[in-house]
């Protein structure tokens, strides 16, 4: 409390609030935040799974179309200036 004109405090006022209403609100907000985090992590996991699936699918397709048979590697090394392939 400030009662004097110079701004000097002359006392303290203490207020007690019922905690039940505050506890109920905090519990509701906590539950909402936990749900939000769970949904966000699930969406992130799904996105990462999709990226992983897409990448491995592309790599498998690329490996199927690109042959690395020993005969093909031998043909490359017989050309002048060719570097031997490492297996």
C-alpha atoms as a PDB file:
ATOM      1  CA  UNK A   1       0.000   0.000   0.000  1.00  0.00           C
ATOM      2  CA  UNK A   2       1.236   3.434  -0.843  1.00  0.00           C
ATOM      3  CA  UNK A   3      -0.485   6.091   1.206  1.00  0.00           C
ATOM      4  CA  UNK A   4       1.974   8.959   1.224  1.00  0.00           C
ATOM      5  CA  UNK A   5       2.445  11.403  -1.625  1.00  0.00           C
ATOM      6  CA  UNK A   6       6.190  10.723  -1.856  1.00  0.00           C
ATOM      7  CA  UNK A   7       5.600   7.079  -2.927  1.00  0.00           C
ATOM      8  CA  UNK A   8       6.859   5.508   0.244  1.00  0.00           C
ATOM      9  CA  UNK A   9       5.163   2.214   1.138  1.00  0.00           C
ATOM     10  CA  UNK A  10       3.418   2.242   4.483  1.00  0.00           C
ATOM     11  CA  UNK A  11       2.125  -1.320   4.616  1.00  0.00           C
ATOM     12  CA  UNK A  12       1.524  -4.642   2.875  1.00  0.00           C
ATOM     13  CA  UNK A  13      -1.752  -6.142   1.777  1.00  0.00           C
ATOM     14  CA  UNK A  14      -1.897  -9.924   1.601  1.00  0.00           C
ATOM     15  CA  UNK A  15      -4.583 -11.650  -0.481  1.00  0.00           C
ATOM     16  CA  UNK A  16      -5.426 -15.341  -0.296  1.00  0.00           C
ATOM     17  CA  UNK A  17      -6.920 -16.958  -3.385  1.00  0.00           C
ATOM     18  CA  UNK A  18      -8.709 -20.301  -3.482  1.00  0.00           C
ATOM     19  CA  UNK A  19      -6.266 -22.826  -4.967  1.00  0.00           C
ATOM     20  CA  UNK A  20      -8.910 -25.264  -6.281  1.00  0.00           C
ATOM     21  CA  UNK A  21      -9.819 -23.099  -9.274  1.00  0.00           C
ATOM     22  CA  UNK A  22      -6.164 -22.462 -10.097  1.00  0.00           C
ATOM     23  CA  UNK A  23      -5.282 -26.168  -9.775  1.00  0.00           C
ATOM     24  CA  UNK A  24      -8.141 -27.134 -12.084  1.00  0.00           C
ATOM     25  CA  UNK A  25      -7.038 -24.618 -14.727  1.00  0.00           C
ATOM     26  CA  UNK A  26      -3.380 -25.698 -14.494  1.00  0.00           C
ATOM     27  CA  UNK A  27      -4.356 -29.378 -14.800  1.00  0.00           C
ATOM     28  CA  UNK A  28      -6.448 -28.616 -17.899  1.00  0.00           C
ATOM     29  CA  UNK A  29      -3.648 -26.631 -19.528  1.00  0.00           C
ATOM     30  CA  UNK A  30      -1.127 -29.362 -18.710  1.00  0.00           C
ATOM     31  CA  UNK A  31      -3.360 -31.993 -20.297  1.00  0.00           C
ATOM     32  CA  UNK A  32      -3.765 -29.819 -23.412  1.00  0.00           C
ATOM     33  CA  UNK A  33      -0.012 -29.296 -23.731  1.00  0.00           C
ATOM     34  CA  UNK A  34       0.719 -33.005 -23.328  1.00  0.00           C
ATOM     35  CA  UNK A  35      -1.780 -33.780 -26.102  1.00  0.00           C
ATOM     36  CA  UNK A  36      -0.230 -31.091 -28.322  1.00  0.00           C
ATOM     37  CA  UNK A  37       3.284 -32.473 -27.809  1.00  0.00           C
ATOM     38  CA  UNK A  38       2.121 -36.053 -28.441  1.00  0.00           C
ATOM     39  CA  UNK A  39       0.397 -35.066 -31.696  1.00  0.00           C
ATOM     40  CA  UNK A  40       3.410 -33.050 -32.836  1.00  0.00           C
ATOM     41  CA  UNK A  41       5.834 -35.898 -32.130  1.00  0.00           C
ATOM     42  CA  UNK A  42       3.548 -38.366 -33.919  1.00  0.00           C
ATOM     43  CA  UNK A  43       3.414 -36.090 -36.967  1.00  0.00           C
ATOM     44  CA  UNK A  44       7.205 -35.702 -36.917  1.00  0.00           C
ATOM     45  CA  UNK A  45       7.651 -39.481 -36.674  1.00  0.00           C
ATOM     46  CA  UNK A  46       5.265 -39.991 -39.605  1.00  0.00           C
ATOM     47  CA  UNK A  47       7.120 -37.408 -41.686  1.00  0.00           C
ATOM     48  CA  UNK A  48      10.495 -38.995 -40.925  1.00  0.00           C
ATOM     49  CA  UNK A  49       9.108 -42.454 -41.758  1.00  0.00           C
ATOM     50  CA  UNK A  50       7.840 -41.121 -45.090  1.00  0.00           C
ATOM     51  CA  UNK A  51      11.206 -39.539 -45.919  1.00  0.00           C
ATOM     52  CA  UNK A  52      13.006 -42.752 -44.960  1.00  0.00           C
ATOM     53  CA  UNK A  53      10.661 -44.896 -47.076  1.00  0.00           C
ATOM     54  CA  UNK A  54      10.963 -42.531 -50.061  1.00  0.00           C
ATOM     55  CA  UNK A  55      14.762 -42.461 -49.843  1.00  0.00           C
ATOM     56  CA  UNK A  56      15.195 -46.227 -49.574  1.00  0.00           C
ATOM     57  CA  UNK A  57      12.703 -46.769 -52.399  1.00  0.00           C
ATOM     58  CA  UNK A  58      14.657 -44.396 -54.637  1.00  0.00           C
ATOM     59  CA  UNK A  59      17.947 -46.045 -53.702  1.00  0.00           C
ATOM     60  CA  UNK A  60      16.533 -49.507 -54.466  1.00  0.00           C
ATOM     61  CA  UNK A  61      15.225 -48.332 -57.842  1.00  0.00           C
ATOM     62  CA  UNK A  62      18.553 -46.732 -58.645  1.00  0.00           C
ATOM     63  CA  UNK A  63      20.439 -49.890 -57.646  1.00  0.00           C
ATOM     64  CA  UNK A  64      18.137 -52.020 -59.806  1.00  0.00           C
ATOM     65  CA  UNK A  65      18.720 -49.885 -62.905  1.00  0.00           C
ATOM     66  CA  UNK A  66      22.472 -49.454 -62.378  1.00  0.00           C
ATOM     67  CA  UNK A  67      24.318 -52.688 -62.899  1.00  0.00           C
ATOM     68  CA  UNK A  68      27.715 -53.184 -61.294  1.00  0.00           C
ATOM     69  CA  UNK A  69      28.509 -56.601 -62.686  1.00  0.00           C
ATOM     70  CA  UNK A  70      32.174 -57.648 -62.741  1.00  0.00           C
ATOM     71  CA  UNK A  71      32.148 -57.812 -66.556  1.00  0.00           C
ATOM     72  CA  UNK A  72      31.049 -54.194 -66.772  1.00  0.00           C
ATOM     73  CA  UNK A  73      33.753 -53.115 -64.313  1.00  0.00           C
ATOM     74  CA  UNK A  74      36.362 -55.049 -66.307  1.00  0.00           C
ATOM     75  CA  UNK A  75      35.313 -53.255 -69.492  1.00  0.00           C
ATOM     76  CA  UNK A  76      35.871 -49.893 -67.831  1.00  0.00           C
ATOM     77  CA  UNK A  77      39.344 -50.774 -66.578  1.00  0.00           C
ATOM     78  CA  UNK A  78      40.546 -51.935 -69.996  1.00  0.00           C
ATOM     79  CA  UNK A  79      40.035 -48.482 -71.473  1.00  0.00           C
ATOM     80  CA  UNK A  80      43.141 -46.305 -71.623  1.00  0.00           C
ATOM     81  CA  UNK A  81      43.419 -43.942 -68.662  1.00  0.00           C
ATOM     82  CA  UNK A  82      40.659 -45.682 -66.705  1.00  0.00           C
ATOM     83  CA  UNK A  83      40.957 -45.995 -62.932  1.00  0.00           C
ATOM     84  CA  UNK A  84      40.379 -49.501 -61.522  1.00  0.00           C
ATOM     85  CA  UNK A  85      37.140 -49.873 -59.588  1.00  0.00           C
ATOM     86  CA  UNK A  86      37.322 -50.666 -55.894  1.00  0.00           C
ATOM     87  CA  UNK A  87      34.902 -53.234 -54.555  1.00  0.00           C
END
